[in-house]
């Protein structure tokens, strides 16, 4: 679910610095996933990487958790220009940007912090292997929290936008998640509504995963019967009970990472929103269907009410005309 590794971008024109950094971070893991180090020797090379292999599919946003950037490269301001590019042109607002310079006199710390949107400033001398480990690990955590919160907000807004009907909800709301069809390396994920409406690229695999996770002790549970369960691998089940305001709903997600508690809470609350919207749409459509049925059933009865008096009036008119004709005939005979 989401990622298999964390992308770290290291930009420096000194080959030794790049090599030592890769060595220092080779065994770092965050939430059980390894970091992958991408190196660039200049601002221009870094920008090419951000536009290519490090760009988020379908967007210019870079999929980089942490960037360590030297200041003096092609010119005295190259690193700072790169930071500005990442924030303003690449839309990398969540990327944890750290300046690491060997010439602090060229770009003083206070001036850089005041004028650039960066996460930290270090000299190459003070950034030891232990500090580098701490910086990268905490930076990845911060980036993922921000990224996940923004992604959850975007998906929830999209669901609300397409909550006019169940068809729109399933095709354009829930259907917004991920690329269509099974993808290489993708975990089994899906949604189950009312126990029989399954939205997933892996419909036959969802049920066994659901059953296994549903048998676990919940990490989060409410008095109404709503819950979130997670196994030792990080696979998640969000399940809501059928109530006056929520549907029988489940989200199942296969994962390669252990999500922190804060993000589990966010996932659970997002599930409650989806469940509530589905319940609301379903109730409205059922109510509308009943109204149509009642109108259809009432229509023949209304026609009968109209026809009966018309027939009676017609008979009276015919009878009256017949009597007049008989009287006229009798008078003529006399």
C-alpha atoms as a PDB file:
ATOM      1  CA  UNK A   1       0.000   0.000   0.000  1.00  0.00           C
ATOM      2  CA  UNK A   2       1.463   3.351  -1.140  1.00  0.00           C
ATOM      3  CA  UNK A   3       5.247   2.737  -1.140  1.00  0.00           C
ATOM      4  CA  UNK A   4       7.908   0.032  -1.019  1.00  0.00           C
ATOM      5  CA  UNK A   5      10.787   2.406  -0.247  1.00  0.00           C
ATOM      6  CA  UNK A   6      11.514   6.044   0.607  1.00  0.00           C
ATOM      7  CA  UNK A   7      13.244   8.255  -1.968  1.00  0.00           C
ATOM      8  CA  UNK A   8      16.070  10.421  -0.631  1.00  0.00           C
ATOM      9  CA  UNK A   9      17.713  12.965  -2.951  1.00  0.00           C
ATOM     10  CA  UNK A  10      21.316  13.969  -2.213  1.00  0.00           C
ATOM     11  CA  UNK A  11      22.712  16.857  -4.292  1.00  0.00           C
ATOM     12  CA  UNK A  12      26.412  17.743  -4.008  1.00  0.00           C
ATOM     13  CA  UNK A  13      29.247  18.412  -6.455  1.00  0.00           C
ATOM     14  CA  UNK A  14      31.756  16.474  -4.318  1.00  0.00           C
ATOM     15  CA  UNK A  15      31.803  12.745  -5.270  1.00  0.00           C
ATOM     16  CA  UNK A  16      33.233  11.782  -1.869  1.00  0.00           C
ATOM     17  CA  UNK A  17      30.324  13.433  -0.057  1.00  0.00           C
ATOM     18  CA  UNK A  18      27.822  11.531  -2.206  1.00  0.00           C
ATOM     19  CA  UNK A  19      29.616   8.221  -1.616  1.00  0.00           C
ATOM     20  CA  UNK A  20      29.905   8.695   2.165  1.00  0.00           C
ATOM     21  CA  UNK A  21      26.243   9.721   2.434  1.00  0.00           C
ATOM     22  CA  UNK A  22      25.075   6.604   0.568  1.00  0.00           C
ATOM     23  CA  UNK A  23      27.230   4.448   2.815  1.00  0.00           C
ATOM     24  CA  UNK A  24      25.943   6.088   6.014  1.00  0.00           C
ATOM     25  CA  UNK A  25      22.290   5.594   5.027  1.00  0.00           C
ATOM     26  CA  UNK A  26      22.534   2.119   3.488  1.00  0.00           C
ATOM     27  CA  UNK A  27      20.706   0.294   6.319  1.00  0.00           C
ATOM     28  CA  UNK A  28      18.202   2.953   7.352  1.00  0.00           C
ATOM     29  CA  UNK A  29      14.561   1.848   7.505  1.00  0.00           C
ATOM     30  CA  UNK A  30      11.479   3.898   8.326  1.00  0.00           C
ATOM     31  CA  UNK A  31       8.192   2.164   9.194  1.00  0.00           C
ATOM     32  CA  UNK A  32       9.862  -1.051   8.072  1.00  0.00           C
ATOM     33  CA  UNK A  33      10.740   0.218   4.580  1.00  0.00           C
ATOM     34  CA  UNK A  34      14.276   0.949   3.283  1.00  0.00           C
ATOM     35  CA  UNK A  35      15.459   4.297   1.980  1.00  0.00           C
ATOM     36  CA  UNK A  36      16.643   4.605  -1.620  1.00  0.00           C
ATOM     37  CA  UNK A  37      19.388   7.176  -2.211  1.00  0.00           C
ATOM     38  CA  UNK A  38      19.349   9.166  -5.476  1.00  0.00           C
ATOM     39  CA  UNK A  39      22.411  11.333  -6.112  1.00  0.00           C
ATOM     40  CA  UNK A  40      22.966  14.360  -8.354  1.00  0.00           C
ATOM     41  CA  UNK A  41      26.145  16.411  -8.814  1.00  0.00           C
ATOM     42  CA  UNK A  42      24.453  19.665  -9.826  1.00  0.00           C
ATOM     43  CA  UNK A  43      21.236  21.668  -9.735  1.00  0.00           C
ATOM     44  CA  UNK A  44      20.567  20.858 -13.400  1.00  0.00           C
ATOM     45  CA  UNK A  45      21.016  17.121 -12.874  1.00  0.00           C
ATOM     46  CA  UNK A  46      18.738  17.196  -9.831  1.00  0.00           C
ATOM     47  CA  UNK A  47      15.984  18.992 -11.785  1.00  0.00           C
ATOM     48  CA  UNK A  48      16.153  16.354 -14.532  1.00  0.00           C
ATOM     49  CA  UNK A  49      15.698  13.635 -11.911  1.00  0.00           C
ATOM     50  CA  UNK A  50      12.765  15.488 -10.350  1.00  0.00           C
ATOM     51  CA  UNK A  51      11.088  15.723 -13.762  1.00  0.00           C
ATOM     52  CA  UNK A  52      11.776  12.082 -14.593  1.00  0.00           C
ATOM     53  CA  UNK A  53      12.204   9.117 -12.226  1.00  0.00           C
ATOM     54  CA  UNK A  54      11.302  11.126  -9.118  1.00  0.00           C
ATOM     55  CA  UNK A  55       8.131  12.722 -10.515  1.00  0.00           C
ATOM     56  CA  UNK A  56       4.805  11.479  -9.193  1.00  0.00           C
ATOM     57  CA  UNK A  57       2.911   9.716 -11.999  1.00  0.00           C
ATOM     58  CA  UNK A  58       0.403  12.054 -13.621  1.00  0.00           C
ATOM     59  CA  UNK A  59       1.793  15.074 -11.760  1.00  0.00           C
ATOM     60  CA  UNK A  60       4.858  17.302 -11.580  1.00  0.00           C
ATOM     61  CA  UNK A  61       4.985  16.751  -7.820  1.00  0.00           C
ATOM     62  CA  UNK A  62       8.188  14.929  -6.842  1.00  0.00           C
ATOM     63  CA  UNK A  63       7.929  11.709  -4.877  1.00  0.00           C
ATOM     64  CA  UNK A  64      10.883  12.626  -2.666  1.00  0.00           C
ATOM     65  CA  UNK A  65      10.682  12.414   1.111  1.00  0.00           C
ATOM     66  CA  UNK A  66      13.973  14.131   2.005  1.00  0.00           C
ATOM     67  CA  UNK A  67      16.453  16.217  -0.009  1.00  0.00           C
ATOM     68  CA  UNK A  68      19.968  17.052   1.211  1.00  0.00           C
ATOM     69  CA  UNK A  69      21.240  19.969  -0.860  1.00  0.00           C
ATOM     70  CA  UNK A  70      24.665  21.591  -1.055  1.00  0.00           C
ATOM     71  CA  UNK A  71      24.648  25.353  -1.647  1.00  0.00           C
ATOM     72  CA  UNK A  72      27.705  26.073  -3.801  1.00  0.00           C
ATOM     73  CA  UNK A  73      27.694  23.983  -7.005  1.00  0.00           C
ATOM     74  CA  UNK A  74      27.359  25.484 -10.536  1.00  0.00           C
ATOM     75  CA  UNK A  75      27.329  28.853  -8.789  1.00  0.00           C
ATOM     76  CA  UNK A  76      27.220  30.244  -5.256  1.00  0.00           C
ATOM     77  CA  UNK A  77      23.415  30.066  -5.119  1.00  0.00           C
ATOM     78  CA  UNK A  78      22.741  26.830  -7.057  1.00  0.00           C
ATOM     79  CA  UNK A  79      21.520  24.878  -4.024  1.00  0.00           C
ATOM     80  CA  UNK A  80      19.196  27.651  -2.889  1.00  0.00           C
ATOM     81  CA  UNK A  81      17.848  27.991  -6.428  1.00  0.00           C
ATOM     82  CA  UNK A  82      17.141  24.253  -6.414  1.00  0.00           C
ATOM     83  CA  UNK A  83      15.231  24.553  -3.127  1.00  0.00           C
ATOM     84  CA  UNK A  84      13.124  27.328  -4.648  1.00  0.00           C
ATOM     85  CA  UNK A  85      12.473  25.193  -7.744  1.00  0.00           C
ATOM     86  CA  UNK A  86      11.348  22.211  -5.653  1.00  0.00           C
ATOM     87  CA  UNK A  87       8.887  24.324  -3.669  1.00  0.00           C
ATOM     88  CA  UNK A  88       7.529  26.645  -6.347  1.00  0.00           C
ATOM     89  CA  UNK A  89       7.811  24.890  -9.712  1.00  0.00           C
ATOM     90  CA  UNK A  90       7.801  21.200  -8.793  1.00  0.00           C
ATOM     91  CA  UNK A  91       5.070  21.700  -6.141  1.00  0.00           C
ATOM     92  CA  UNK A  92       7.140  19.747  -3.636  1.00  0.00           C
ATOM     93  CA  UNK A  93       5.574  21.443  -0.639  1.00  0.00           C
ATOM     94  CA  UNK A  94       5.914  18.394   1.627  1.00  0.00           C
ATOM     95  CA  UNK A  95       9.525  17.513   0.736  1.00  0.00           C
ATOM     96  CA  UNK A  96      11.793  17.848   3.759  1.00  0.00           C
ATOM     97  CA  UNK A  97      14.559  20.141   2.462  1.00  0.00           C
ATOM     98  CA  UNK A  98      17.864  20.350   4.305  1.00  0.00           C
ATOM     99  CA  UNK A  99      20.772  22.592   3.357  1.00  0.00           C
ATOM    100  CA  UNK A 100      24.169  20.964   3.900  1.00  0.00           C
ATOM    101  CA  UNK A 101      27.007  23.319   3.077  1.00  0.00           C
ATOM    102  CA  UNK A 102      30.776  23.325   3.324  1.00  0.00           C
ATOM    103  CA  UNK A 103      30.889  27.113   2.961  1.00  0.00           C
ATOM    104  CA  UNK A 104      28.536  28.629   5.536  1.00  0.00           C
ATOM    105  CA  UNK A 105      29.992  32.081   4.896  1.00  0.00           C
ATOM    106  CA  UNK A 106      28.520  32.129   1.380  1.00  0.00           C
ATOM    107  CA  UNK A 107      24.987  31.403   2.609  1.00  0.00           C
ATOM    108  CA  UNK A 108      24.645  32.294   6.328  1.00  0.00           C
ATOM    109  CA  UNK A 109      22.177  30.121   8.258  1.00  0.00           C
ATOM    110  CA  UNK A 110      19.863  32.879   9.514  1.00  0.00           C
ATOM    111  CA  UNK A 111      19.579  34.484   6.081  1.00  0.00           C
ATOM    112  CA  UNK A 112      18.792  31.148   4.428  1.00  0.00           C
ATOM    113  CA  UNK A 113      16.209  30.169   7.062  1.00  0.00           C
ATOM    114  CA  UNK A 114      14.518  33.587   6.775  1.00  0.00           C
ATOM    115  CA  UNK A 115      14.356  33.652   2.984  1.00  0.00           C
ATOM    116  CA  UNK A 116      13.870  30.032   1.921  1.00  0.00           C
ATOM    117  CA  UNK A 117      11.263  27.430   2.866  1.00  0.00           C
ATOM    118  CA  UNK A 118      13.644  24.784   4.191  1.00  0.00           C
ATOM    119  CA  UNK A 119      13.436  22.255   7.014  1.00  0.00           C
ATOM    120  CA  UNK A 120      16.964  22.629   8.371  1.00  0.00           C
ATOM    121  CA  UNK A 121      20.497  23.976   7.857  1.00  0.00           C
ATOM    122  CA  UNK A 122      23.755  22.141   8.633  1.00  0.00           C
ATOM    123  CA  UNK A 123      27.444  22.472   7.872  1.00  0.00           C
ATOM    124  CA  UNK A 124      29.158  19.384   6.474  1.00  0.00           C
ATOM    125  CA  UNK A 125      31.403  19.267   9.537  1.00  0.00           C
ATOM    126  CA  UNK A 126      28.582  19.115  12.091  1.00  0.00           C
ATOM    127  CA  UNK A 127      26.399  16.629  10.186  1.00  0.00           C
ATOM    128  CA  UNK A 128      27.815  13.381  11.588  1.00  0.00           C
ATOM    129  CA  UNK A 129      26.635   9.905  10.591  1.00  0.00           C
ATOM    130  CA  UNK A 130      24.364   9.733  13.655  1.00  0.00           C
ATOM    131  CA  UNK A 131      22.867  13.162  12.972  1.00  0.00           C
ATOM    132  CA  UNK A 132      22.364  12.209   9.330  1.00  0.00           C
ATOM    133  CA  UNK A 133      20.514   9.068  10.433  1.00  0.00           C
ATOM    134  CA  UNK A 134      18.269  11.070  12.774  1.00  0.00           C
ATOM    135  CA  UNK A 135      17.620  13.777  10.199  1.00  0.00           C
ATOM    136  CA  UNK A 136      16.622  11.342   7.443  1.00  0.00           C
ATOM    137  CA  UNK A 137      14.481   9.127   9.646  1.00  0.00           C
ATOM    138  CA  UNK A 138      12.559  12.005  11.228  1.00  0.00           C
ATOM    139  CA  UNK A 139      12.327  13.736   7.836  1.00  0.00           C
ATOM    140  CA  UNK A 140      10.727  10.706   6.191  1.00  0.00           C
ATOM    141  CA  UNK A 141       8.206  10.421   9.019  1.00  0.00           C
ATOM    142  CA  UNK A 142       7.272  14.086   8.685  1.00  0.00           C
ATOM    143  CA  UNK A 143       7.003  13.877   4.905  1.00  0.00           C
ATOM    144  CA  UNK A 144       4.811  10.766   4.950  1.00  0.00           C
ATOM    145  CA  UNK A 145       2.462  12.259   7.550  1.00  0.00           C
ATOM    146  CA  UNK A 146       2.013  15.391   5.430  1.00  0.00           C
ATOM    147  CA  UNK A 147       1.662  13.435   2.186  1.00  0.00           C
ATOM    148  CA  UNK A 148      -0.861  10.992   3.648  1.00  0.00           C
ATOM    149  CA  UNK A 149      -2.960  13.764   5.200  1.00  0.00           C
ATOM    150  CA  UNK A 150      -3.118  15.649   1.883  1.00  0.00           C
ATOM    151  CA  UNK A 151      -3.922  12.452  -0.038  1.00  0.00           C
ATOM    152  CA  UNK A 152      -6.718  11.574   2.416  1.00  0.00           C
ATOM    153  CA  UNK A 153      -8.176  15.069   2.165  1.00  0.00           C
ATOM    154  CA  UNK A 154      -8.118  14.935  -1.640  1.00  0.00           C
ATOM    155  CA  UNK A 155      -9.749  11.502  -1.794  1.00  0.00           C
ATOM    156  CA  UNK A 156     -12.449  12.475   0.721  1.00  0.00           C
ATOM    157  CA  UNK A 157     -13.254  15.665  -1.200  1.00  0.00           C
ATOM    158  CA  UNK A 158     -13.552  13.618  -4.383  1.00  0.00           C
ATOM    159  CA  UNK A 159     -15.932  11.158  -2.710  1.00  0.00           C
ATOM    160  CA  UNK A 160     -18.148  14.000  -1.469  1.00  0.00           C
ATOM    161  CA  UNK A 161     -18.132  15.548  -4.959  1.00  0.00           C
ATOM    162  CA  UNK A 162     -19.427  12.288  -6.466  1.00  0.00           C
ATOM    163  CA  UNK A 163     -22.013  11.398  -3.836  1.00  0.00           C
ATOM    164  CA  UNK A 164     -25.082  12.199  -5.945  1.00  0.00           C
ATOM    165  CA  UNK A 165     -25.773   8.555  -6.767  1.00  0.00           C
ATOM    166  CA  UNK A 166     -24.377   5.115  -6.017  1.00  0.00           C
ATOM    167  CA  UNK A 167     -23.264   4.748  -9.639  1.00  0.00           C
ATOM    168  CA  UNK A 168     -21.321   8.020  -9.573  1.00  0.00           C
ATOM    169  CA  UNK A 169     -19.940   7.182  -6.123  1.00  0.00           C
ATOM    170  CA  UNK A 170     -18.551   3.824  -7.278  1.00  0.00           C
ATOM    171  CA  UNK A 171     -17.319   4.844 -10.731  1.00  0.00           C
ATOM    172  CA  UNK A 172     -15.913   8.318 -10.104  1.00  0.00           C
ATOM    173  CA  UNK A 173     -15.621   8.530  -6.324  1.00  0.00           C
ATOM    174  CA  UNK A 174     -14.138   5.241  -5.149  1.00  0.00           C
ATOM    175  CA  UNK A 175     -12.906   4.577  -8.692  1.00  0.00           C
ATOM    176  CA  UNK A 176     -10.534   7.532  -8.275  1.00  0.00           C
ATOM    177  CA  UNK A 177      -8.180   5.384  -6.179  1.00  0.00           C
ATOM    178  CA  UNK A 178      -5.130   4.169  -8.090  1.00  0.00           C
ATOM    179  CA  UNK A 179      -4.670   3.027 -11.681  1.00  0.00           C
ATOM    180  CA  UNK A 180      -7.368   0.802 -13.237  1.00  0.00           C
ATOM    181  CA  UNK A 181      -6.600  -2.916 -13.273  1.00  0.00           C
ATOM    182  CA  UNK A 182      -3.985  -4.900 -11.323  1.00  0.00           C
ATOM    183  CA  UNK A 183      -0.557  -3.225 -11.230  1.00  0.00           C
ATOM    184  CA  UNK A 184       2.847  -4.826 -10.758  1.00  0.00           C
ATOM    185  CA  UNK A 185       3.950  -4.645  -7.126  1.00  0.00           C
ATOM    186  CA  UNK A 186       0.573  -3.303  -6.023  1.00  0.00           C
ATOM    187  CA  UNK A 187      -0.976  -4.613  -2.814  1.00  0.00           C
ATOM    188  CA  UNK A 188      -4.474  -6.080  -2.673  1.00  0.00           C
ATOM    189  CA  UNK A 189      -6.899  -3.274  -1.833  1.00  0.00           C
ATOM    190  CA  UNK A 190     -10.634  -2.821  -2.138  1.00  0.00           C
ATOM    191  CA  UNK A 191     -13.960  -1.654  -0.731  1.00  0.00           C
ATOM    192  CA  UNK A 192     -16.969  -3.746   0.258  1.00  0.00           C
ATOM    193  CA  UNK A 193     -20.416  -2.130   0.590  1.00  0.00           C
ATOM    194  CA  UNK A 194     -23.417  -3.931   2.090  1.00  0.00           C
ATOM    195  CA  UNK A 195     -21.387  -7.176   1.993  1.00  0.00           C
ATOM    196  CA  UNK A 196     -21.990  -7.735  -1.721  1.00  0.00           C
ATOM    197  CA  UNK A 197     -20.829  -4.633  -3.620  1.00  0.00           C
ATOM    198  CA  UNK A 198     -17.073  -5.108  -4.100  1.00  0.00           C
ATOM    199  CA  UNK A 199     -14.880  -2.442  -5.694  1.00  0.00           C
ATOM    200  CA  UNK A 200     -11.410  -3.883  -6.257  1.00  0.00           C
ATOM    201  CA  UNK A 201      -8.962  -4.988  -8.922  1.00  0.00           C
ATOM    202  CA  UNK A 202      -8.596  -8.169  -6.850  1.00  0.00           C
ATOM    203  CA  UNK A 203     -12.182  -9.292  -6.041  1.00  0.00           C
ATOM    204  CA  UNK A 204     -11.310 -12.952  -5.377  1.00  0.00           C
ATOM    205  CA  UNK A 205      -8.472 -12.053  -2.989  1.00  0.00           C
ATOM    206  CA  UNK A 206     -10.317  -9.421  -0.984  1.00  0.00           C
ATOM    207  CA  UNK A 207     -12.649 -11.782   0.898  1.00  0.00           C
ATOM    208  CA  UNK A 208      -9.929 -14.073   2.399  1.00  0.00           C
ATOM    209  CA  UNK A 209      -7.903 -11.032   3.510  1.00  0.00           C
ATOM    210  CA  UNK A 210     -11.047  -9.450   4.958  1.00  0.00           C
ATOM    211  CA  UNK A 211     -11.929 -12.620   6.915  1.00  0.00           C
ATOM    212  CA  UNK A 212      -8.426 -12.911   8.373  1.00  0.00           C
ATOM    213  CA  UNK A 213      -8.203  -9.268   9.452  1.00  0.00           C
ATOM    214  CA  UNK A 214     -11.769  -9.254  10.765  1.00  0.00           C
ATOM    215  CA  UNK A 215     -10.839 -12.044  13.206  1.00  0.00           C
ATOM    216  CA  UNK A 216      -8.049  -9.950  14.795  1.00  0.00           C
ATOM    217  CA  UNK A 217      -8.357  -7.828  17.913  1.00  0.00           C
ATOM    218  CA  UNK A 218      -9.112  -4.249  16.781  1.00  0.00           C
ATOM    219  CA  UNK A 219      -6.579  -1.463  17.169  1.00  0.00           C
ATOM    220  CA  UNK A 220      -9.471   1.033  17.188  1.00  0.00           C
ATOM    221  CA  UNK A 221     -13.047   0.184  18.204  1.00  0.00           C
ATOM    222  CA  UNK A 222     -16.177   2.217  18.995  1.00  0.00           C
ATOM    223  CA  UNK A 223     -19.356   1.499  20.944  1.00  0.00           C
ATOM    224  CA  UNK A 224     -21.330   1.411  17.664  1.00  0.00           C
ATOM    225  CA  UNK A 225     -19.279  -1.544  16.421  1.00  0.00           C
ATOM    226  CA  UNK A 226     -16.995   0.359  14.033  1.00  0.00           C
ATOM    227  CA  UNK A 227     -13.369  -0.801  14.087  1.00  0.00           C
ATOM    228  CA  UNK A 228      -9.899  -0.791  12.561  1.00  0.00           C
ATOM    229  CA  UNK A 229      -7.727  -3.907  12.644  1.00  0.00           C
ATOM    230  CA  UNK A 230      -4.097  -4.286  11.572  1.00  0.00           C
ATOM    231  CA  UNK A 231      -1.848  -7.351  11.432  1.00  0.00           C
ATOM    232  CA  UNK A 232       1.901  -7.611  12.034  1.00  0.00           C
ATOM    233  CA  UNK A 233       2.624  -6.835   8.363  1.00  0.00           C
ATOM    234  CA  UNK A 234       0.640  -3.602   8.414  1.00  0.00           C
ATOM    235  CA  UNK A 235      -2.360  -4.892   6.420  1.00  0.00           C
ATOM    236  CA  UNK A 236      -5.453  -2.888   7.393  1.00  0.00           C
ATOM    237  CA  UNK A 237      -9.187  -3.435   7.719  1.00  0.00           C
ATOM    238  CA  UNK A 238     -11.576  -0.553   8.385  1.00  0.00           C
ATOM    239  CA  UNK A 239     -15.075  -1.845   9.091  1.00  0.00           C
ATOM    240  CA  UNK A 240     -18.240   0.051  10.005  1.00  0.00           C
ATOM    241  CA  UNK A 241     -21.429  -1.495  11.342  1.00  0.00           C
ATOM    242  CA  UNK A 242     -24.860  -0.835   9.879  1.00  0.00           C
ATOM    243  CA  UNK A 243     -26.566   1.870  11.947  1.00  0.00           C
ATOM    244  CA  UNK A 244     -29.044   4.686  11.286  1.00  0.00           C
ATOM    245  CA  UNK A 245     -26.256   6.813   9.832  1.00  0.00           C
ATOM    246  CA  UNK A 246     -23.632   4.327   8.588  1.00  0.00           C
ATOM    247  CA  UNK A 247     -23.627   1.405   6.167  1.00  0.00           C
ATOM    248  CA  UNK A 248     -22.167  -2.078   6.420  1.00  0.00           C
ATOM    249  CA  UNK A 249     -18.845  -1.005   4.909  1.00  0.00           C
ATOM    250  CA  UNK A 250     -15.281  -2.294   4.797  1.00  0.00           C
ATOM    251  CA  UNK A 251     -11.967  -1.130   3.385  1.00  0.00           C
ATOM    252  CA  UNK A 252      -9.201  -3.721   3.050  1.00  0.00           C
ATOM    253  CA  UNK A 253      -5.633  -2.684   2.283  1.00  0.00           C
ATOM    254  CA  UNK A 254      -2.549  -4.871   1.920  1.00  0.00           C
ATOM    255  CA  UNK A 255       0.591  -3.071   3.069  1.00  0.00           C
ATOM    256  CA  UNK A 256       4.331  -3.510   3.403  1.00  0.00           C
ATOM    257  CA  UNK A 257       4.655  -0.946   6.198  1.00  0.00           C
ATOM    258  CA  UNK A 258       3.401  -0.389   9.737  1.00  0.00           C
ATOM    259  CA  UNK A 259       1.381   2.835   9.817  1.00  0.00           C
ATOM    260  CA  UNK A 260       1.781   5.128  12.866  1.00  0.00           C
ATOM    261  CA  UNK A 261      -1.206   5.579  15.185  1.00  0.00           C
ATOM    262  CA  UNK A 262      -1.980   9.109  13.990  1.00  0.00           C
ATOM    263  CA  UNK A 263      -2.424   7.929  10.401  1.00  0.00           C
ATOM    264  CA  UNK A 264      -4.466   4.916  11.502  1.00  0.00           C
ATOM    265  CA  UNK A 265      -6.871   7.335  13.200  1.00  0.00           C
ATOM    266  CA  UNK A 266      -7.043   9.375  10.000  1.00  0.00           C
ATOM    267  CA  UNK A 267      -7.729   6.244   7.928  1.00  0.00           C
ATOM    268  CA  UNK A 268     -10.475   5.156  10.317  1.00  0.00           C
ATOM    269  CA  UNK A 269     -12.217   8.548  10.256  1.00  0.00           C
ATOM    270  CA  UNK A 270     -12.024   8.644   6.474  1.00  0.00           C
ATOM    271  CA  UNK A 271     -13.752   5.252   6.405  1.00  0.00           C
ATOM    272  CA  UNK A 272     -16.569   6.612   8.569  1.00  0.00           C
ATOM    273  CA  UNK A 273     -17.105   9.419   6.039  1.00  0.00           C
ATOM    274  CA  UNK A 274     -17.287   6.944   3.132  1.00  0.00           C
ATOM    275  CA  UNK A 275     -19.703   4.730   5.061  1.00  0.00           C
ATOM    276  CA  UNK A 276     -21.966   7.635   6.025  1.00  0.00           C
ATOM    277  CA  UNK A 277     -22.142   8.916   2.451  1.00  0.00           C
ATOM    278  CA  UNK A 278     -22.961   5.460   1.072  1.00  0.00           C
ATOM    279  CA  UNK A 279     -25.743   5.043   3.628  1.00  0.00           C
ATOM    280  CA  UNK A 280     -27.177   8.471   2.774  1.00  0.00           C
ATOM    281  CA  UNK A 281     -27.111   7.820  -0.985  1.00  0.00           C
ATOM    282  CA  UNK A 282     -28.637   4.347  -0.594  1.00  0.00           C
ATOM    283  CA  UNK A 283     -31.469   5.596   1.631  1.00  0.00           C
ATOM    284  CA  UNK A 284     -32.258   8.452  -0.769  1.00  0.00           C
ATOM    285  CA  UNK A 285     -32.350   6.145  -3.791  1.00  0.00           C
ATOM    286  CA  UNK A 286     -34.580   3.627  -2.000  1.00  0.00           C
ATOM    287  CA  UNK A 287     -36.940   6.409  -0.949  1.00  0.00           C
ATOM    288  CA  UNK A 288     -37.084   7.748  -4.505  1.00  0.00           C
ATOM    289  CA  UNK A 289     -37.799   4.251  -5.857  1.00  0.00           C
ATOM    290  CA  UNK A 290     -40.686   3.791  -3.382  1.00  0.00           C
ATOM    291  CA  UNK A 291     -42.192   7.132  -4.412  1.00  0.00           C
ATOM    292  CA  UNK A 292     -42.128   6.115  -8.081  1.00  0.00           C
ATOM    293  CA  UNK A 293     -43.721   2.748  -7.239  1.00  0.00           C
ATOM    294  CA  UNK A 294     -46.530   4.405  -5.261  1.00  0.00           C
ATOM    295  CA  UNK A 295     -47.265   6.828  -8.105  1.00  0.00           C
ATOM    296  CA  UNK A 296     -47.354   3.980 -10.609  1.00  0.00           C
ATOM    297  CA  UNK A 297     -49.723   1.985  -8.399  1.00  0.00           C
ATOM    298  CA  UNK A 298     -52.003   4.989  -7.813  1.00  0.00           C
ATOM    299  CA  UNK A 299     -52.355   5.884 -11.516  1.00  0.00           C
ATOM    300  CA  UNK A 300     -54.800   3.087 -12.611  1.00  0.00           C
ATOM    301  CA  UNK A 301     -57.003   3.761  -9.559  1.00  0.00           C
ATOM    302  CA  UNK A 302     -57.269   7.426 -10.494  1.00  0.00           C
ATOM    303  CA  UNK A 303     -58.312   6.502 -14.038  1.00  0.00           C
ATOM    304  CA  UNK A 304     -61.125   4.296 -12.734  1.00  0.00           C
ATOM    305  CA  UNK A 305     -62.437   7.103 -10.540  1.00  0.00           C
ATOM    306  CA  UNK A 306     -62.612   9.365 -13.558  1.00  0.00           C
ATOM    307  CA  UNK A 307     -64.201   6.792 -15.875  1.00  0.00           C
ATOM    308  CA  UNK A 308     -67.040   5.735 -13.569  1.00  0.00           C
ATOM    309  CA  UNK A 309     -68.895   9.085 -13.430  1.00  0.00           C
ATOM    310  CA  UNK A 310     -68.358   9.611 -17.171  1.00  0.00           C
ATOM    311  CA  UNK A 311     -70.069   6.314 -17.967  1.00  0.00           C
ATOM    312  CA  UNK A 312     -72.989   7.124 -15.646  1.00  0.00           C
ATOM    313  CA  UNK A 313     -73.518  10.533 -17.239  1.00  0.00           C
ATOM    314  CA  UNK A 314     -73.369   8.989 -20.713  1.00  0.00           C
ATOM    315  CA  UNK A 315     -76.008   6.404 -19.800  1.00  0.00           C
ATOM    316  CA  UNK A 316     -78.351   9.091 -18.389  1.00  0.00           C
ATOM    317  CA  UNK A 317     -77.992  11.221 -21.512  1.00  0.00           C
ATOM    318  CA  UNK A 318     -78.725   8.257 -23.784  1.00  0.00           C
ATOM    319  CA  UNK A 319     -81.754   7.192 -21.671  1.00  0.00           C
ATOM    320  CA  UNK A 320     -83.173  10.723 -21.643  1.00  0.00           C
ATOM    321  CA  UNK A 321     -82.789  11.036 -25.425  1.00  0.00           C
ATOM    322  CA  UNK A 322     -84.513   7.694 -25.920  1.00  0.00           C
ATOM    323  CA  UNK A 323     -87.522   8.757 -23.795  1.00  0.00           C
ATOM    324  CA  UNK A 324     -87.888  11.977 -25.831  1.00  0.00           C
ATOM    325  CA  UNK A 325     -87.784  10.018 -29.075  1.00  0.00           C
ATOM    326  CA  UNK A 326     -90.500   7.645 -27.839  1.00  0.00           C
ATOM    327  CA  UNK A 327     -92.769  10.558 -26.792  1.00  0.00           C
ATOM    328  CA  UNK A 328     -92.301  12.273 -30.204  1.00  0.00           C
ATOM    329  CA  UNK A 329     -93.198   9.076 -32.037  1.00  0.00           C
ATOM    330  CA  UNK A 330     -96.326   8.613 -29.884  1.00  0.00           C
ATOM    331  CA  UNK A 331     -97.543  12.194 -30.594  1.00  0.00           C
ATOM    332  CA  UNK A 332     -97.090  11.771 -34.360  1.00  0.00           C
ATOM    333  CA  UNK A 333     -99.177   8.593 -34.329  1.00  0.00           C
ATOM    334  CA  UNK A 334    -102.022  10.402 -32.580  1.00  0.00           C
END
